[in-house]
């Protein structure tokens, strides 16, 4: 009985940054081109890596937005007034409706 040689499994370490995920995707591509990874497995793994990358990018954007919002609130607290964004919404609520024009 001749069985085909078993392809060596590989281990992926922790991916902490988007650059780590991109580098792992590039390694996966190179391993696939050289025949170390089956193309079906590579397609599935690259899809997973793409989802991980997208999730990381979205969480980074959320963190940056949170930092911007915190900065706006701190600046507003130092000036003893509502932040500009909130103030513009309050102004819209306080406006009185215009009376209809008479000809």
C-alpha atoms as a PDB file:
ATOM      1  CA  UNK A   1       0.000   0.000   0.000  1.00  0.00           C
ATOM      2  CA  UNK A   2       1.476   3.266  -1.104  1.00  0.00           C
ATOM      3  CA  UNK A   3      -0.025   6.208   0.654  1.00  0.00           C
ATOM      4  CA  UNK A   4       0.856   9.711  -0.407  1.00  0.00           C
ATOM      5  CA  UNK A   5       3.206  11.478   1.984  1.00  0.00           C
ATOM      6  CA  UNK A   6       1.389  13.416   4.626  1.00  0.00           C
ATOM      7  CA  UNK A   7       1.726  17.158   4.195  1.00  0.00           C
ATOM      8  CA  UNK A   8       3.274  18.823   7.162  1.00  0.00           C
ATOM      9  CA  UNK A   9       0.883  20.833   9.299  1.00  0.00           C
ATOM     10  CA  UNK A  10       1.991  24.310  10.164  1.00  0.00           C
ATOM     11  CA  UNK A  11       1.281  26.384  13.180  1.00  0.00           C
ATOM     12  CA  UNK A  12       0.210  29.989  13.129  1.00  0.00           C
ATOM     13  CA  UNK A  13       1.277  32.065  16.095  1.00  0.00           C
ATOM     14  CA  UNK A  14      -0.604  34.930  17.659  1.00  0.00           C
ATOM     15  CA  UNK A  15      -1.472  37.745  15.314  1.00  0.00           C
ATOM     16  CA  UNK A  16      -1.579  40.998  17.241  1.00  0.00           C
ATOM     17  CA  UNK A  17      -1.557  43.568  14.441  1.00  0.00           C
ATOM     18  CA  UNK A  18      -2.957  43.961  10.955  1.00  0.00           C
ATOM     19  CA  UNK A  19       0.615  43.758   9.631  1.00  0.00           C
ATOM     20  CA  UNK A  20       1.000  40.337  11.281  1.00  0.00           C
ATOM     21  CA  UNK A  21      -2.131  39.097   9.524  1.00  0.00           C
ATOM     22  CA  UNK A  22      -0.950  40.476   6.174  1.00  0.00           C
ATOM     23  CA  UNK A  23       2.440  38.803   6.651  1.00  0.00           C
ATOM     24  CA  UNK A  24       0.747  35.496   7.471  1.00  0.00           C
ATOM     25  CA  UNK A  25      -1.399  35.798   4.336  1.00  0.00           C
ATOM     26  CA  UNK A  26       1.765  36.336   2.280  1.00  0.00           C
ATOM     27  CA  UNK A  27       3.396  33.261   3.886  1.00  0.00           C
ATOM     28  CA  UNK A  28       0.293  31.217   3.132  1.00  0.00           C
ATOM     29  CA  UNK A  29       0.433  32.335  -0.496  1.00  0.00           C
ATOM     30  CA  UNK A  30       4.114  31.362  -0.793  1.00  0.00           C
ATOM     31  CA  UNK A  31       3.498  27.957   0.839  1.00  0.00           C
ATOM     32  CA  UNK A  32       0.613  27.339  -1.576  1.00  0.00           C
ATOM     33  CA  UNK A  33       2.644  28.311  -4.643  1.00  0.00           C
ATOM     34  CA  UNK A  34       5.458  25.968  -3.597  1.00  0.00           C
ATOM     35  CA  UNK A  35       3.001  23.122  -3.043  1.00  0.00           C
ATOM     36  CA  UNK A  36       3.273  22.855   0.745  1.00  0.00           C
ATOM     37  CA  UNK A  37      -0.411  23.692   1.279  1.00  0.00           C
ATOM     38  CA  UNK A  38      -3.382  22.376  -0.695  1.00  0.00           C
ATOM     39  CA  UNK A  39      -5.137  25.122  -2.663  1.00  0.00           C
ATOM     40  CA  UNK A  40      -8.527  24.347  -1.078  1.00  0.00           C
ATOM     41  CA  UNK A  41      -7.045  24.639   2.408  1.00  0.00           C
ATOM     42  CA  UNK A  42      -5.261  27.830   1.418  1.00  0.00           C
ATOM     43  CA  UNK A  43      -8.491  29.363   0.108  1.00  0.00           C
ATOM     44  CA  UNK A  44     -10.282  28.590   3.364  1.00  0.00           C
ATOM     45  CA  UNK A  45      -7.415  29.874   5.516  1.00  0.00           C
ATOM     46  CA  UNK A  46      -7.022  33.044   3.461  1.00  0.00           C
ATOM     47  CA  UNK A  47     -10.733  33.746   3.927  1.00  0.00           C
ATOM     48  CA  UNK A  48     -10.339  33.360   7.676  1.00  0.00           C
ATOM     49  CA  UNK A  49      -7.294  35.632   7.679  1.00  0.00           C
ATOM     50  CA  UNK A  50      -9.212  38.216   5.631  1.00  0.00           C
ATOM     51  CA  UNK A  51     -12.033  38.188   8.209  1.00  0.00           C
ATOM     52  CA  UNK A  52      -9.544  38.562  11.056  1.00  0.00           C
ATOM     53  CA  UNK A  53      -7.865  41.459   9.270  1.00  0.00           C
ATOM     54  CA  UNK A  54     -11.180  43.215   8.668  1.00  0.00           C
ATOM     55  CA  UNK A  55     -12.192  42.796  12.309  1.00  0.00           C
ATOM     56  CA  UNK A  56      -8.871  44.199  13.498  1.00  0.00           C
ATOM     57  CA  UNK A  57      -9.153  47.190  11.169  1.00  0.00           C
ATOM     58  CA  UNK A  58     -12.682  47.920  12.377  1.00  0.00           C
ATOM     59  CA  UNK A  59     -11.677  47.729  16.021  1.00  0.00           C
ATOM     60  CA  UNK A  60      -8.764  50.093  15.360  1.00  0.00           C
ATOM     61  CA  UNK A  61     -11.153  52.580  13.773  1.00  0.00           C
ATOM     62  CA  UNK A  62     -13.482  52.267  16.779  1.00  0.00           C
ATOM     63  CA  UNK A  63     -10.588  52.943  19.153  1.00  0.00           C
ATOM     64  CA  UNK A  64      -9.566  56.031  17.188  1.00  0.00           C
ATOM     65  CA  UNK A  65     -13.140  57.356  17.145  1.00  0.00           C
ATOM     66  CA  UNK A  66     -13.453  56.797  20.889  1.00  0.00           C
ATOM     67  CA  UNK A  67     -10.230  58.738  21.459  1.00  0.00           C
ATOM     68  CA  UNK A  68     -11.518  61.610  19.292  1.00  0.00           C
ATOM     69  CA  UNK A  69     -14.835  61.693  21.163  1.00  0.00           C
ATOM     70  CA  UNK A  70     -13.037  61.691  24.524  1.00  0.00           C
ATOM     71  CA  UNK A  71     -10.846  64.586  23.383  1.00  0.00           C
ATOM     72  CA  UNK A  72     -13.897  66.578  22.297  1.00  0.00           C
ATOM     73  CA  UNK A  73     -15.597  65.999  25.643  1.00  0.00           C
ATOM     74  CA  UNK A  74     -12.457  66.964  27.596  1.00  0.00           C
ATOM     75  CA  UNK A  75     -12.057  70.174  25.597  1.00  0.00           C
ATOM     76  CA  UNK A  76     -15.699  71.034  26.158  1.00  0.00           C
ATOM     77  CA  UNK A  77     -15.368  70.388  29.899  1.00  0.00           C
ATOM     78  CA  UNK A  78     -12.446  72.814  30.053  1.00  0.00           C
ATOM     79  CA  UNK A  79     -14.560  75.520  28.393  1.00  0.00           C
ATOM     80  CA  UNK A  80     -17.602  74.958  30.652  1.00  0.00           C
ATOM     81  CA  UNK A  81     -19.984  74.492  27.744  1.00  0.00           C
ATOM     82  CA  UNK A  82     -21.448  71.722  25.679  1.00  0.00           C
ATOM     83  CA  UNK A  83     -19.299  70.245  22.930  1.00  0.00           C
ATOM     84  CA  UNK A  84     -19.783  71.733  19.510  1.00  0.00           C
ATOM     85  CA  UNK A  85     -21.502  68.611  18.180  1.00  0.00           C
ATOM     86  CA  UNK A  86     -24.034  68.512  20.997  1.00  0.00           C
ATOM     87  CA  UNK A  87     -24.542  72.265  20.904  1.00  0.00           C
ATOM     88  CA  UNK A  88     -25.521  72.177  17.226  1.00  0.00           C
ATOM     89  CA  UNK A  89     -28.125  69.493  17.948  1.00  0.00           C
ATOM     90  CA  UNK A  90     -29.522  71.496  20.881  1.00  0.00           C
ATOM     91  CA  UNK A  91     -29.780  74.600  18.703  1.00  0.00           C
ATOM     92  CA  UNK A  92     -31.913  72.714  16.187  1.00  0.00           C
ATOM     93  CA  UNK A  93     -34.297  71.625  18.946  1.00  0.00           C
ATOM     94  CA  UNK A  94     -34.648  75.161  20.370  1.00  0.00           C
ATOM     95  CA  UNK A  95     -35.537  76.870  17.092  1.00  0.00           C
ATOM     96  CA  UNK A  96     -39.115  77.997  16.834  1.00  0.00           C
ATOM     97  CA  UNK A  97     -41.039  77.097  13.725  1.00  0.00           C
ATOM     98  CA  UNK A  98     -41.393  79.998  11.314  1.00  0.00           C
ATOM     99  CA  UNK A  99     -44.791  81.587  10.905  1.00  0.00           C
ATOM    100  CA  UNK A 100     -46.363  81.166   7.479  1.00  0.00           C
ATOM    101  CA  UNK A 101     -45.830  84.081   5.116  1.00  0.00           C
ATOM    102  CA  UNK A 102     -48.694  86.379   4.351  1.00  0.00           C
ATOM    103  CA  UNK A 103     -48.929  87.976   0.941  1.00  0.00           C
END
